[in-house]
C-alpha atoms as a PDB file:
ATOM      1  CA  MET A   1       0.041  -0.612  -0.157  1.00  0.00           C
ATOM      2  CA  GLY A   2       1.529   2.889  -1.566  1.00  0.00           C
ATOM      3  CA  GLU A   3       0.905   6.773  -0.289  1.00  0.00           C
ATOM      4  CA  ASP A   4      -1.698   7.107  -2.745  1.00  0.00           C
ATOM      5  CA  ASP A   5      -3.782   5.132  -1.136  1.00  0.00           C
ATOM      6  CA  LEU A   6      -3.856   5.849   2.309  1.00  0.00           C
ATOM      7  CA  SER A   7      -5.902   8.201   1.021  1.00  0.00           C
ATOM      8  CA  ASP A   8      -8.466   5.416  -0.701  1.00  0.00           C
ATOM      9  CA  ILE A   9      -8.915   4.344   3.101  1.00  0.00           C
ATOM     10  CA  PRO A  10     -12.613   4.415   4.150  1.00  0.00           C
ATOM     11  CA  LEU A  11     -12.545   5.586   7.306  1.00  0.00           C
ATOM     12  CA  VAL A  12     -14.287   2.894   9.849  1.00  0.00           C
ATOM     13  CA  SER A  13     -16.513   4.430  12.361  1.00  0.00           C
ATOM     14  CA  MET A  14     -16.159   5.134  15.569  1.00  0.00           C
ATOM     15  CA  GLN A  15     -18.285   2.776  16.536  1.00  0.00           C
ATOM     16  CA  GLU A  16     -16.887  -0.151  14.288  1.00  0.00           C
ATOM     17  CA  ALA A  17     -13.204   1.165  16.303  1.00  0.00           C
ATOM     18  CA  ILE A  18     -14.879   0.773  19.173  1.00  0.00           C
ATOM     19  CA  ALA A  19     -16.006  -2.340  19.086  1.00  0.00           C
ATOM     20  CA  GLU A  20     -12.287  -3.334  17.396  1.00  0.00           C
ATOM     21  CA  VAL A  21     -11.577  -2.297  20.511  1.00  0.00           C
ATOM     22  CA  ARG A  22     -13.028  -4.149  22.667  1.00  0.00           C
ATOM     23  CA  ARG A  23     -12.522  -7.459  20.836  1.00  0.00           C
ATOM     24  CA  TRP A  24      -8.533  -6.676  22.012  1.00  0.00           C
ATOM     25  CA  LEU A  25      -9.741  -6.255  25.085  1.00  0.00           C
ATOM     26  CA  ASP A  26     -12.841  -9.583  25.575  1.00  0.00           C
ATOM     27  CA  ALA A  27     -11.296 -11.824  22.586  1.00  0.00           C
ATOM     28  CA  GLU A  28      -7.665 -11.121  22.652  1.00  0.00           C
ATOM     29  CA  GLY A  29      -7.536 -11.414  26.876  1.00  0.00           C
ATOM     30  CA  MET A  30      -5.414  -7.678  26.763  1.00  0.00           C
ATOM     31  CA  ASP A  31      -4.968  -6.135  30.209  1.00  0.00           C
ATOM     32  CA  PRO A  32      -6.393  -3.229  29.938  1.00  0.00           C
ATOM     33  CA  GLU A  33      -4.029  -1.726  32.195  1.00  0.00           C
ATOM     34  CA  ALA A  34      -1.135  -2.993  29.515  1.00  0.00           C
ATOM     35  CA  VAL A  35       0.581   0.350  27.493  1.00  0.00           C
ATOM     36  CA  PHE A  36      -0.949   0.967  24.126  1.00  0.00           C
ATOM     37  CA  THR A  37       1.970   3.425  23.148  1.00  0.00           C
ATOM     38  CA  THR A  38       3.921   5.735  25.291  1.00  0.00           C
ATOM     39  CA  ILE A  39       4.954   9.374  23.039  1.00  0.00           C
ATOM     40  CA  GLY A  40       6.883  11.641  24.927  1.00  0.00           C
ATOM     41  CA  ASP A  41       5.721  11.433  28.597  1.00  0.00           C
ATOM     42  CA  GLN A  42       2.498  10.032  27.956  1.00  0.00           C
ATOM     43  CA  THR A  43       1.021   6.752  28.059  1.00  0.00           C
ATOM     44  CA  VAL A  44      -2.173   5.619  26.580  1.00  0.00           C
ATOM     45  CA  ARG A  45      -2.860   1.738  28.156  1.00  0.00           C
ATOM     46  CA  TYR A  46      -5.485  -0.031  26.424  1.00  0.00           C
ATOM     47  CA  LYS A  47      -8.647   1.017  29.392  1.00  0.00           C
ATOM     48  CA  ASP A  48      -8.273   4.585  27.625  1.00  0.00           C
ATOM     49  CA  LEU A  49      -8.162   3.734  24.053  1.00  0.00           C
ATOM     50  CA  ILE A  50     -12.243   4.039  23.524  1.00  0.00           C
ATOM     51  CA  ALA A  51     -12.125   6.768  25.670  1.00  0.00           C
ATOM     52  CA  HIS A  52     -10.152   8.327  23.321  1.00  0.00           C
ATOM     53  CA  LEU A  53     -12.098   7.453  20.351  1.00  0.00           C
ATOM     54  CA  GLU A  54     -15.496   8.106  22.026  1.00  0.00           C
ATOM     55  CA  GLN A  55     -14.020  12.053  22.523  1.00  0.00           C
ATOM     56  CA  GLU A  56     -12.234  11.544  18.935  1.00  0.00           C
ATOM     57  CA  THR A  57      -9.095  13.048  20.014  1.00  0.00           C
ATOM     58  CA  PRO A  58      -5.868  13.083  18.393  1.00  0.00           C
ATOM     59  CA  ASP A  59      -4.919   9.863  19.220  1.00  0.00           C
ATOM     60  CA  GLY A  60      -8.465   8.983  18.938  1.00  0.00           C
ATOM     61  CA  CYS A  61      -8.910  10.031  15.641  1.00  0.00           C
ATOM     62  CA  LEU A  62      -5.267   7.764  15.246  1.00  0.00           C
ATOM     63  CA  LEU A  63      -6.362   4.919  16.643  1.00  0.00           C
ATOM     64  CA  ARG A  64      -9.852   5.245  13.846  1.00  0.00           C
ATOM     65  CA  PHE A  65      -6.923   5.566  10.788  1.00  0.00           C
ATOM     66  CA  ALA A  66      -4.611   2.736  12.145  1.00  0.00           C
ATOM     67  CA  ILE A  67      -7.850   0.772  12.303  1.00  0.00           C
ATOM     68  CA  SER A  68      -8.700   1.660   9.023  1.00  0.00           C
ATOM     69  CA  ARG A  69      -5.729   0.816   7.362  1.00  0.00           C
ATOM     70  CA  GLY A  70      -4.689  -2.192   8.975  1.00  0.00           C
ATOM     71  CA  ARG A  71      -8.006  -3.792   7.353  1.00  0.00           C
ATOM     72  CA  GLY A  72      -7.439  -2.537   4.276  1.00  0.00           C
ATOM     73  CA  MET A  73      -3.925  -3.863   4.496  1.00  0.00           C
ATOM     74  CA  LYS A  74      -5.145  -7.412   5.424  1.00  0.00           C
ATOM     75  CA  ARG A  75      -7.770  -7.237   2.929  1.00  0.00           C
ATOM     76  CA  GLU A  76      -5.442  -6.999   0.372  1.00  0.00           C
ATOM     77  CA  ARG A  77      -3.235  -9.527   1.426  1.00  0.00           C
ATOM     78  CA  GLY A  78      -6.473 -11.039   1.411  1.00  0.00           C
ATOM     79  CA  GLN A  79      -6.628 -10.939  -2.204  1.00  0.00           C
ATOM     80  CA  ALA A  80      -2.930 -11.429  -3.322  1.00  0.00           C
ATOM     81  CA  LEU A  81      -3.168 -14.899  -0.940  1.00  0.00           C
ATOM     82  CA  ARG A  82      -6.243 -15.666  -3.325  1.00  0.00           C
ATOM     83  CA  SER A  83      -4.930 -15.026  -6.364  1.00  0.00           C
ATOM     84  CA  LEU A  84      -1.619 -16.521  -5.588  1.00  0.00           C
ATOM     85  CA  LEU A  85      -3.290 -20.344  -3.974  1.00  0.00           C
ATOM     86  CA  GLN A  86      -6.316 -19.592  -7.162  1.00  0.00           C
ATOM     87  CA  ILE A  87      -7.024 -23.813  -7.891  1.00  0.00           C
ATOM     88  CA  ALA A  88      -7.047 -24.474 -11.786  1.00  0.00           C
ATOM     89  CA  PRO A  89     -10.226 -26.012 -12.673  1.00  0.00           C
ATOM     90  CA  PRO A  90     -10.002 -30.083 -13.702  1.00  0.00           C
ATOM     91  CA  PRO A  91      -9.108 -30.988 -17.573  1.00  0.00           C
ATOM     92  CA  ALA A  92     -12.282 -32.020 -18.631  1.00  0.00           C
ATOM     93  CA  ALA A  93     -12.233 -35.113 -19.737  1.00  0.00           C
END
């Protein structure tokens, strides 16, 4: 995915992003107290992510973009893998 493709990424909704974070916390068993990222003297924990998304903070907007980009990259990888693994039809008898 090149720089030109970044503007073509459909941004997930706030609800989709919150659902993704909840999946990280519930289904994948992430510790809410675990550090998600640290920038300078600011630390963002997993438990803080939903509030950032709901309040549409700059960190929340960046997180929505990152989730959106991750989904786009996953979709592209899936399409490339399917094309590589595409099985040719059996020969006619």
